[in-house]
Amino acid sequence: MKGSARVAGHDLYTKEGTDIPARGQAIVGTGIAIALPDNTYGLIAPRRSLAVKHRLTTNTGVIDADYRGEVKVVLANLVDQPYRVEKGDRIEPLIIEKIDNWELHEGTQLDDTERRDQAFRGSDSTMDQRGTGQKAKPLVEINEI
């Protein structure tokens, strides 16, 4: 079920009450199974209001198009007190995304890029990532409103 015509995700609801331990996680059943079209997958995303109000998030899950079991959500509790979800609570959204199912082929060499093997390029955004020691130019300018 979608909250409105323009939202990205379909709301998922709990099929039973479950306790989520402090600083822990729990698997929460939804009581539904889905059949997704080929070249799509389902992504269980965090629900903003649960994250903000209760510091609950999801350990994001992917539902493949050929999976037919119950959709379950892994809820993670980020605070020092337990949290209880009740039967019928709206939890996380399920977003259906299109994918290209490319075939992967083993090769002996990859083409070179400016980034090369530098992971998490934005983790030190104040220095030039090519190792020149110069200040990097910002890629995007953000203004506070």
C-alpha atoms as a PDB file:
ATOM      1  CA  MET A   1       0.000   0.000   0.000  1.00  0.00           C
ATOM      2  CA  LYS A   2       1.289   3.462  -0.868  1.00  0.00           C
ATOM      3  CA  GLY A   3       0.579   6.505   1.279  1.00  0.00           C
ATOM      4  CA  SER A   4      -0.060   8.635  -1.811  1.00  0.00           C
ATOM      5  CA  ALA A   5       0.351   8.398  -5.579  1.00  0.00           C
ATOM      6  CA  ARG A   6       3.751  10.134  -5.652  1.00  0.00           C
ATOM      7  CA  VAL A   7       5.643   8.365  -2.855  1.00  0.00           C
ATOM      8  CA  ALA A   8       8.524   6.086  -3.809  1.00  0.00           C
ATOM      9  CA  GLY A   9       7.802   3.162  -1.517  1.00  0.00           C
ATOM     10  CA  HIS A  10       5.035   0.768  -0.559  1.00  0.00           C
ATOM     11  CA  ASP A  11       4.418   0.720   3.192  1.00  0.00           C
ATOM     12  CA  LEU A  12       5.242  -2.488   5.035  1.00  0.00           C
ATOM     13  CA  TYR A  13       3.430  -3.418   8.260  1.00  0.00           C
ATOM     14  CA  THR A  14       4.312  -5.828  11.059  1.00  0.00           C
ATOM     15  CA  LYS A  15       2.377  -9.077  11.277  1.00  0.00           C
ATOM     16  CA  GLU A  16       3.057  -9.455  15.024  1.00  0.00           C
ATOM     17  CA  GLY A  17       4.535  -7.575  17.945  1.00  0.00           C
ATOM     18  CA  THR A  18       8.300  -7.836  18.348  1.00  0.00           C
ATOM     19  CA  ASP A  19      10.800  -6.478  20.855  1.00  0.00           C
ATOM     20  CA  ILE A  20      13.943  -4.891  19.452  1.00  0.00           C
ATOM     21  CA  PRO A  21      16.671  -4.961  22.096  1.00  0.00           C
ATOM     22  CA  ALA A  22      18.642  -1.867  23.086  1.00  0.00           C
ATOM     23  CA  ARG A  23      21.560  -1.418  20.671  1.00  0.00           C
ATOM     24  CA  GLY A  24      20.407  -4.602  18.948  1.00  0.00           C
ATOM     25  CA  GLN A  25      18.304  -5.761  16.067  1.00  0.00           C
ATOM     26  CA  ALA A  26      15.385  -8.053  15.342  1.00  0.00           C
ATOM     27  CA  ILE A  27      13.841  -9.647  12.285  1.00  0.00           C
ATOM     28  CA  VAL A  28      10.259  -8.471  11.856  1.00  0.00           C
ATOM     29  CA  GLY A  29       7.825 -10.387   9.660  1.00  0.00           C
ATOM     30  CA  THR A  30       5.362  -8.584   7.417  1.00  0.00           C
ATOM     31  CA  GLY A  31       3.088 -11.514   6.592  1.00  0.00           C
ATOM     32  CA  ILE A  32       3.314 -10.864   2.848  1.00  0.00           C
ATOM     33  CA  ALA A  33       5.120 -12.432  -0.093  1.00  0.00           C
ATOM     34  CA  ILE A  34       5.586 -10.694  -3.449  1.00  0.00           C
ATOM     35  CA  ALA A  35       6.293 -11.649  -7.049  1.00  0.00           C
ATOM     36  CA  LEU A  36       8.370  -8.943  -8.677  1.00  0.00           C
ATOM     37  CA  PRO A  37       8.711  -8.513 -12.447  1.00  0.00           C
ATOM     38  CA  ASP A  38      11.920  -9.615 -14.157  1.00  0.00           C
ATOM     39  CA  ASN A  39      14.660  -6.975 -14.209  1.00  0.00           C
ATOM     40  CA  THR A  40      13.472  -5.452 -10.919  1.00  0.00           C
ATOM     41  CA  TYR A  41      14.259  -5.920  -7.247  1.00  0.00           C
ATOM     42  CA  GLY A  42      12.758  -4.709  -4.005  1.00  0.00           C
ATOM     43  CA  LEU A  43      14.758  -2.496  -1.663  1.00  0.00           C
ATOM     44  CA  ILE A  44      13.718  -2.149   1.979  1.00  0.00           C
ATOM     45  CA  ALA A  45      14.681   1.394   2.937  1.00  0.00           C
ATOM     46  CA  PRO A  46      14.747   3.175   6.303  1.00  0.00           C
ATOM     47  CA  ARG A  47      11.596   5.071   7.257  1.00  0.00           C
ATOM     48  CA  ARG A  48      12.516   8.631   8.138  1.00  0.00           C
ATOM     49  CA  SER A  49      10.002   9.063  10.971  1.00  0.00           C
ATOM     50  CA  LEU A  50      11.182   5.890  12.756  1.00  0.00           C
ATOM     51  CA  ALA A  51      14.778   7.018  12.426  1.00  0.00           C
ATOM     52  CA  VAL A  52      14.112  10.524  13.732  1.00  0.00           C
ATOM     53  CA  LYS A  53      11.579   9.786  16.489  1.00  0.00           C
ATOM     54  CA  HIS A  54      12.827   6.420  17.761  1.00  0.00           C
ATOM     55  CA  ARG A  55      16.348   6.002  16.266  1.00  0.00           C
ATOM     56  CA  LEU A  56      15.273   2.815  14.495  1.00  0.00           C
ATOM     57  CA  THR A  57      16.703   2.003  11.112  1.00  0.00           C
ATOM     58  CA  THR A  58      16.853  -0.965   8.828  1.00  0.00           C
ATOM     59  CA  ASN A  59      19.780  -3.066   7.821  1.00  0.00           C
ATOM     60  CA  THR A  60      18.803  -2.599   4.206  1.00  0.00           C
ATOM     61  CA  GLY A  61      17.647  -5.691   2.427  1.00  0.00           C
ATOM     62  CA  VAL A  62      17.314  -6.627  -1.206  1.00  0.00           C
ATOM     63  CA  ILE A  63      14.438  -8.803  -2.416  1.00  0.00           C
ATOM     64  CA  ASP A  64      15.294 -10.535  -5.677  1.00  0.00           C
ATOM     65  CA  ALA A  65      12.652 -10.998  -8.374  1.00  0.00           C
ATOM     66  CA  ASP A  66      12.718 -14.786  -7.953  1.00  0.00           C
ATOM     67  CA  TYR A  67      12.225 -14.764  -4.141  1.00  0.00           C
ATOM     68  CA  ARG A  68       8.791 -15.973  -3.044  1.00  0.00           C
ATOM     69  CA  GLY A  69       9.099 -16.228   0.746  1.00  0.00           C
ATOM     70  CA  GLU A  70       7.793 -13.864   3.386  1.00  0.00           C
ATOM     71  CA  VAL A  71       9.179 -10.336   3.232  1.00  0.00           C
ATOM     72  CA  LYS A  72      10.992  -9.699   6.504  1.00  0.00           C
ATOM     73  CA  VAL A  73      12.702  -6.558   7.740  1.00  0.00           C
ATOM     74  CA  VAL A  74      15.793  -6.325   9.955  1.00  0.00           C
ATOM     75  CA  LEU A  75      15.147  -3.406  12.322  1.00  0.00           C
ATOM     76  CA  ALA A  76      18.142  -2.017  14.208  1.00  0.00           C
ATOM     77  CA  ASN A  77      17.680  -0.096  17.469  1.00  0.00           C
ATOM     78  CA  LEU A  78      20.340   2.600  17.924  1.00  0.00           C
ATOM     79  CA  VAL A  79      19.463   3.611  21.505  1.00  0.00           C
ATOM     80  CA  ASP A  80      20.083   2.237  24.991  1.00  0.00           C
ATOM     81  CA  GLN A  81      16.494   1.146  25.690  1.00  0.00           C
ATOM     82  CA  PRO A  82      14.472  -1.577  23.977  1.00  0.00           C
ATOM     83  CA  TYR A  83      11.734  -0.686  21.503  1.00  0.00           C
ATOM     84  CA  ARG A  84       8.563  -2.640  20.787  1.00  0.00           C
ATOM     85  CA  VAL A  85       6.786  -2.722  17.464  1.00  0.00           C
ATOM     86  CA  GLU A  86       3.166  -3.817  17.704  1.00  0.00           C
ATOM     87  CA  LYS A  87       1.119  -5.885  15.272  1.00  0.00           C
ATOM     88  CA  GLY A  88       0.020  -3.666  12.399  1.00  0.00           C
ATOM     89  CA  ASP A  89       2.652  -0.959  12.921  1.00  0.00           C
ATOM     90  CA  ARG A  90       3.848   0.676   9.717  1.00  0.00           C
ATOM     91  CA  ILE A  91       7.578   0.058   9.540  1.00  0.00           C
ATOM     92  CA  GLU A  92       9.778   0.436   6.472  1.00  0.00           C
ATOM     93  CA  PRO A  93       8.972   1.206   2.828  1.00  0.00           C
ATOM     94  CA  LEU A  94       9.553  -1.289   0.040  1.00  0.00           C
ATOM     95  CA  ILE A  95      10.862   0.409  -3.095  1.00  0.00           C
ATOM     96  CA  ILE A  96      10.733  -1.431  -6.427  1.00  0.00           C
ATOM     97  CA  GLU A  97      13.663  -0.576  -8.677  1.00  0.00           C
ATOM     98  CA  LYS A  98      14.547  -1.504 -12.241  1.00  0.00           C
ATOM     99  CA  ILE A  99      17.912  -3.107 -12.908  1.00  0.00           C
ATOM    100  CA  ASP A 100      20.069  -4.104 -15.852  1.00  0.00           C
ATOM    101  CA  ASN A 101      21.096  -7.724 -15.425  1.00  0.00           C
ATOM    102  CA  TRP A 102      24.498  -7.447 -17.039  1.00  0.00           C
ATOM    103  CA  GLU A 103      26.590 -10.541 -17.466  1.00  0.00           C
ATOM    104  CA  LEU A 104      29.976 -10.230 -15.747  1.00  0.00           C
ATOM    105  CA  HIS A 105      33.052 -11.497 -17.535  1.00  0.00           C
ATOM    106  CA  GLU A 106      36.411 -12.220 -15.974  1.00  0.00           C
ATOM    107  CA  GLY A 107      39.200 -10.123 -17.441  1.00  0.00           C
ATOM    108  CA  THR A 108      42.899  -9.622 -16.918  1.00  0.00           C
ATOM    109  CA  GLN A 109      42.982  -5.807 -16.867  1.00  0.00           C
ATOM    110  CA  LEU A 110      40.678  -2.850 -16.241  1.00  0.00           C
ATOM    111  CA  ASP A 111      40.812   0.484 -18.038  1.00  0.00           C
ATOM    112  CA  ASP A 112      42.447   3.322 -16.085  1.00  0.00           C
ATOM    113  CA  THR A 113      40.460   6.236 -14.633  1.00  0.00           C
ATOM    114  CA  GLU A 114      41.407   9.429 -12.820  1.00  0.00           C
ATOM    115  CA  ARG A 115      40.021   7.957  -9.579  1.00  0.00           C
ATOM    116  CA  ARG A 116      41.833   4.609  -9.984  1.00  0.00           C
ATOM    117  CA  ASP A 117      41.488   2.600  -6.739  1.00  0.00           C
ATOM    118  CA  GLN A 118      40.730   5.450  -4.313  1.00  0.00           C
ATOM    119  CA  ALA A 119      37.731   4.305  -2.288  1.00  0.00           C
ATOM    120  CA  PHE A 120      35.485   6.758  -0.437  1.00  0.00           C
ATOM    121  CA  ARG A 121      36.726   9.689  -2.480  1.00  0.00           C
ATOM    122  CA  GLY A 122      34.695  12.143  -0.424  1.00  0.00           C
ATOM    123  CA  SER A 123      36.110  11.006   2.934  1.00  0.00           C
ATOM    124  CA  ASP A 124      38.895  13.613   2.794  1.00  0.00           C
ATOM    125  CA  SER A 125      37.243  16.249   0.660  1.00  0.00           C
ATOM    126  CA  THR A 126      39.578  19.063   1.732  1.00  0.00           C
ATOM    127  CA  MET A 127      42.643  17.650  -0.024  1.00  0.00           C
ATOM    128  CA  ASP A 128      43.159  16.895  -3.714  1.00  0.00           C
ATOM    129  CA  GLN A 129      42.539  13.146  -4.110  1.00  0.00           C
ATOM    130  CA  ARG A 130      45.333  12.750  -6.686  1.00  0.00           C
ATOM    131  CA  GLY A 131      47.885  13.186  -3.922  1.00  0.00           C
ATOM    132  CA  THR A 132      49.187  16.624  -5.009  1.00  0.00           C
ATOM    133  CA  GLY A 133      48.631  18.073  -1.532  1.00  0.00           C
ATOM    134  CA  GLN A 134      46.690  21.006  -2.972  1.00  0.00           C
ATOM    135  CA  LYS A 135      43.241  22.032  -1.841  1.00  0.00           C
ATOM    136  CA  ALA A 136      40.604  20.357  -3.991  1.00  0.00           C
ATOM    137  CA  LYS A 137      37.992  22.457  -5.771  1.00  0.00           C
ATOM    138  CA  PRO A 138      34.493  21.725  -4.457  1.00  0.00           C
ATOM    139  CA  LEU A 139      32.443  19.616  -6.830  1.00  0.00           C
ATOM    140  CA  VAL A 140      29.142  21.042  -5.635  1.00  0.00           C
ATOM    141  CA  GLU A 141      28.441  24.329  -3.922  1.00  0.00           C
ATOM    142  CA  ILE A 142      25.832  24.138  -1.161  1.00  0.00           C
ATOM    143  CA  ASN A 143      24.191  27.232   0.285  1.00  0.00           C
ATOM    144  CA  GLU A 144      22.390  27.313   3.610  1.00  0.00           C
ATOM    145  CA  ILE A 145      18.831  28.589   3.375  1.00  0.00           C
END
